[in-house]
Amino acid sequence: MKKQLVAWVGGLVLGCAAWGQTDWFTVLGDPANPGVDTIEVDPSPLSVTVDAQTMRVRVSRGELRKNWEGLPYRSYESEVVFDCSHKKARYTSMVFYMQPLWQGPSHNTSTYTRDNPRWMEFRDVRPNPNRQIIRAACENGRVKTSDVPGMLLPAEDAVQAL
């Protein structure tokens, strides 16, 4: 798995093959098999600040699960803020599906704030790729403000984005 993550970081540095098209990177599992836990990352950041970046992560579980609010789901798509200085990642939004592999209509959308964080953890996933995903995202995310065109940086301060 470490070799895959190194390749993923290399792919992030080189950029995606097609701008605006989602080429999901499978970190764990099999996106064609609904019976296994699958975790994928969209290697194109949604936003980049001095200390953090926001990326999309999606998860399909091999069995029915419940979220923090007790709602059942089999898969979800999310936006995640990677706080590289603290080596943590938190969900800002999640769209839940009753079907595996992000199929069918979504049945719940949740948003989370800094005051009510939901940390990216992948509970009961073995092996758990949480640390490797954070490390890979943050190694690629070492961007100075002067390296990013102003129109790509959000208006809010980087600390506020966390």
Protein backbone atom coordinates (compact mmCIF):
# COMPACT_ATOMS: atom_id res chain seq x y z
CA MET A 1 0.00 0.00 0.00
CA LYS A 2 2.92 2.39 0.67
CA LYS A 3 4.07 2.04 -2.94
CA GLN A 4 0.56 2.92 -4.11
CA LEU A 5 0.52 6.02 -1.92
CA VAL A 6 3.93 7.11 -3.20
CA ALA A 7 2.60 6.69 -6.74
CA TRP A 8 -0.49 8.68 -5.72
CA VAL A 9 1.66 11.54 -4.44
CA GLY A 10 3.59 11.47 -7.71
CA GLY A 11 0.32 11.62 -9.59
CA LEU A 12 -0.79 14.58 -7.52
CA VAL A 13 2.40 16.44 -8.33
CA LEU A 14 2.00 15.78 -12.04
CA GLY A 15 -1.70 16.63 -11.98
CA CYS A 16 -4.76 14.86 -13.26
CA ALA A 17 -5.01 13.66 -16.82
CA ALA A 18 -8.14 15.67 -17.55
CA TRP A 19 -9.09 18.89 -15.75
CA GLY A 20 -12.56 18.72 -14.23
CA GLN A 21 -12.83 14.96 -14.60
CA THR A 22 -12.75 12.85 -11.44
CA ASP A 23 -10.18 10.10 -11.61
CA TRP A 24 -10.61 8.38 -8.25
CA PHE A 25 -7.54 6.74 -6.74
CA THR A 26 -8.41 3.50 -4.94
CA VAL A 27 -6.49 3.42 -1.65
CA LEU A 28 -8.13 0.24 -0.32
CA GLY A 29 -10.61 -2.31 -1.59
CA ASP A 30 -12.16 -2.86 -4.99
CA PRO A 31 -14.57 -0.35 -6.56
CA ALA A 32 -16.18 -3.19 -8.52
CA ASN A 33 -16.91 -5.35 -5.45
CA PRO A 34 -19.78 -4.16 -3.22
CA GLY A 35 -18.93 -6.75 -0.56
CA VAL A 36 -15.63 -5.19 0.57
CA ASP A 37 -14.64 -1.93 2.24
CA THR A 38 -13.38 0.47 -0.42
CA ILE A 39 -11.78 3.88 0.11
CA GLU A 40 -11.04 6.24 -2.77
CA VAL A 41 -9.53 9.73 -2.98
CA ASP A 42 -9.98 12.32 -5.71
CA PRO A 43 -6.38 13.50 -6.17
CA SER A 44 -7.44 16.97 -7.39
CA PRO A 45 -7.71 19.33 -4.39
CA LEU A 46 -10.90 21.39 -4.19
CA SER A 47 -9.02 24.20 -2.44
CA VAL A 48 -5.53 24.88 -1.15
CA THR A 49 -4.45 27.25 1.62
CA VAL A 50 -1.16 27.77 3.37
CA ASP A 51 -1.83 25.14 6.07
CA ALA A 52 -4.56 22.96 4.64
CA GLN A 53 -6.22 21.59 1.58
CA THR A 54 -9.69 20.26 0.91
CA MET A 55 -10.14 17.06 -1.06
CA ARG A 56 -12.91 14.59 -1.85
CA VAL A 57 -12.84 11.14 -0.24
CA ARG A 58 -15.42 8.43 -0.78
CA VAL A 59 -16.02 5.23 1.13
CA SER A 60 -18.10 2.14 0.42
CA ARG A 61 -18.57 -0.31 3.27
CA GLY A 62 -18.89 -4.07 2.85
CA GLU A 63 -21.79 -4.12 5.33
CA LEU A 64 -24.47 -1.72 6.54
CA ARG A 65 -23.10 0.87 8.99
CA LYS A 66 -24.47 3.78 11.04
CA ASN A 67 -23.07 7.30 11.01
CA TRP A 68 -22.53 9.54 14.07
CA GLU A 69 -26.20 10.47 14.11
CA GLY A 70 -27.28 6.81 14.00
CA LEU A 71 -28.40 6.92 10.35
CA PRO A 72 -27.71 3.78 8.31
CA TYR A 73 -25.57 3.86 5.15
CA ARG A 74 -23.50 1.63 2.89
CA SER A 75 -21.43 4.32 1.15
CA TYR A 76 -20.71 8.03 1.26
CA GLU A 77 -18.93 10.79 -0.64
CA SER A 78 -17.31 13.53 1.39
CA GLU A 79 -15.25 16.69 1.42
CA VAL A 80 -12.33 16.55 3.83
CA VAL A 81 -10.09 19.33 5.15
CA PHE A 82 -6.55 18.06 5.69
CA ASP A 83 -4.95 20.05 8.55
CA CYS A 84 -1.33 19.31 7.72
CA SER A 85 0.24 21.15 10.64
CA HIS A 86 -1.70 18.92 13.08
CA LYS A 87 -1.75 15.80 10.87
CA LYS A 88 -5.52 15.50 11.11
CA ALA A 89 -8.38 15.44 8.65
CA ARG A 90 -11.99 16.34 9.27
CA TYR A 91 -15.13 15.96 7.22
CA THR A 92 -16.91 19.15 6.22
CA SER A 93 -19.72 17.46 4.30
CA MET A 94 -20.92 13.92 3.63
CA VAL A 95 -23.53 12.53 1.25
CA PHE A 96 -24.79 9.10 2.36
CA TYR A 97 -26.17 6.29 0.21
CA MET A 98 -28.04 3.15 1.26
CA GLN A 99 -26.46 1.25 -1.64
CA PRO A 100 -22.77 0.32 -1.83
CA LEU A 101 -20.41 1.91 -4.34
CA TRP A 102 -22.24 5.26 -4.33
CA GLN A 103 -25.23 3.89 -6.24
CA GLY A 104 -28.86 4.94 -6.06
CA PRO A 105 -30.22 8.16 -4.62
CA SER A 106 -28.56 9.72 -1.59
CA HIS A 107 -30.71 9.59 1.53
CA ASN A 108 -28.91 12.07 3.77
CA THR A 109 -26.49 14.97 3.52
CA SER A 110 -24.65 16.19 6.59
CA THR A 111 -22.38 19.19 7.08
CA TYR A 112 -19.92 19.62 9.92
CA THR A 113 -18.16 22.68 11.30
CA ARG A 114 -14.96 23.31 13.23
CA ASP A 115 -17.14 23.57 16.35
CA ASN A 116 -18.69 20.14 15.68
CA PRO A 117 -15.88 18.21 13.95
CA ARG A 118 -16.16 14.72 12.52
CA TRP A 119 -12.66 13.34 12.14
CA MET A 120 -11.74 11.12 9.23
CA GLU A 121 -11.02 7.77 10.93
CA PHE A 122 -12.40 4.81 8.90
CA ARG A 123 -13.51 2.87 11.97
CA ASP A 124 -13.25 -0.92 11.80
CA VAL A 125 -11.35 -0.83 8.47
CA ARG A 126 -8.35 -3.17 8.39
CA PRO A 127 -5.73 -2.19 7.45
CA ASN A 128 -6.71 1.37 8.26
CA PRO A 129 -5.22 3.82 5.70
CA ASN A 130 -6.07 7.00 7.63
CA ARG A 131 -2.51 8.08 8.49
CA GLN A 132 -1.18 7.20 5.04
CA ILE A 133 -3.88 9.25 3.31
CA ILE A 134 -3.21 12.27 5.54
CA ARG A 135 0.55 11.97 5.02
CA ALA A 136 0.19 11.63 1.23
CA ALA A 137 -2.22 14.57 0.98
CA CYS A 138 -0.01 16.77 3.15
CA GLU A 139 3.26 15.85 1.45
CA ASN A 140 1.75 16.96 -1.82
CA GLY A 141 0.10 19.98 -0.20
CA ARG A 142 3.28 21.82 0.76
CA VAL A 143 2.31 24.92 -1.14
CA LYS A 144 3.35 28.48 -0.38
CA THR A 145 0.77 31.19 -0.90
CA SER A 146 3.04 32.80 -3.49
CA ASP A 147 3.01 29.56 -5.51
CA VAL A 148 -0.79 29.56 -5.90
CA PRO A 149 -2.55 32.07 -8.16
CA GLY A 150 -4.68 34.39 -6.01
CA MET A 151 -7.89 33.35 -7.70
CA LEU A 152 -7.39 29.75 -6.47
CA LEU A 153 -7.02 30.65 -2.80
CA PRO A 154 -10.23 31.11 -0.82
CA ALA A 155 -10.88 34.58 0.51
CA GLU A 156 -10.89 33.46 4.14
CA ASP A 157 -7.74 33.17 6.18
CA ALA A 158 -6.11 29.70 6.14
CA VAL A 159 -6.63 29.32 9.90
CA GLN A 160 -10.34 30.03 9.50
CA ALA A 161 -10.60 27.35 6.81
CA LEU A 162 -9.70 24.75 9.41
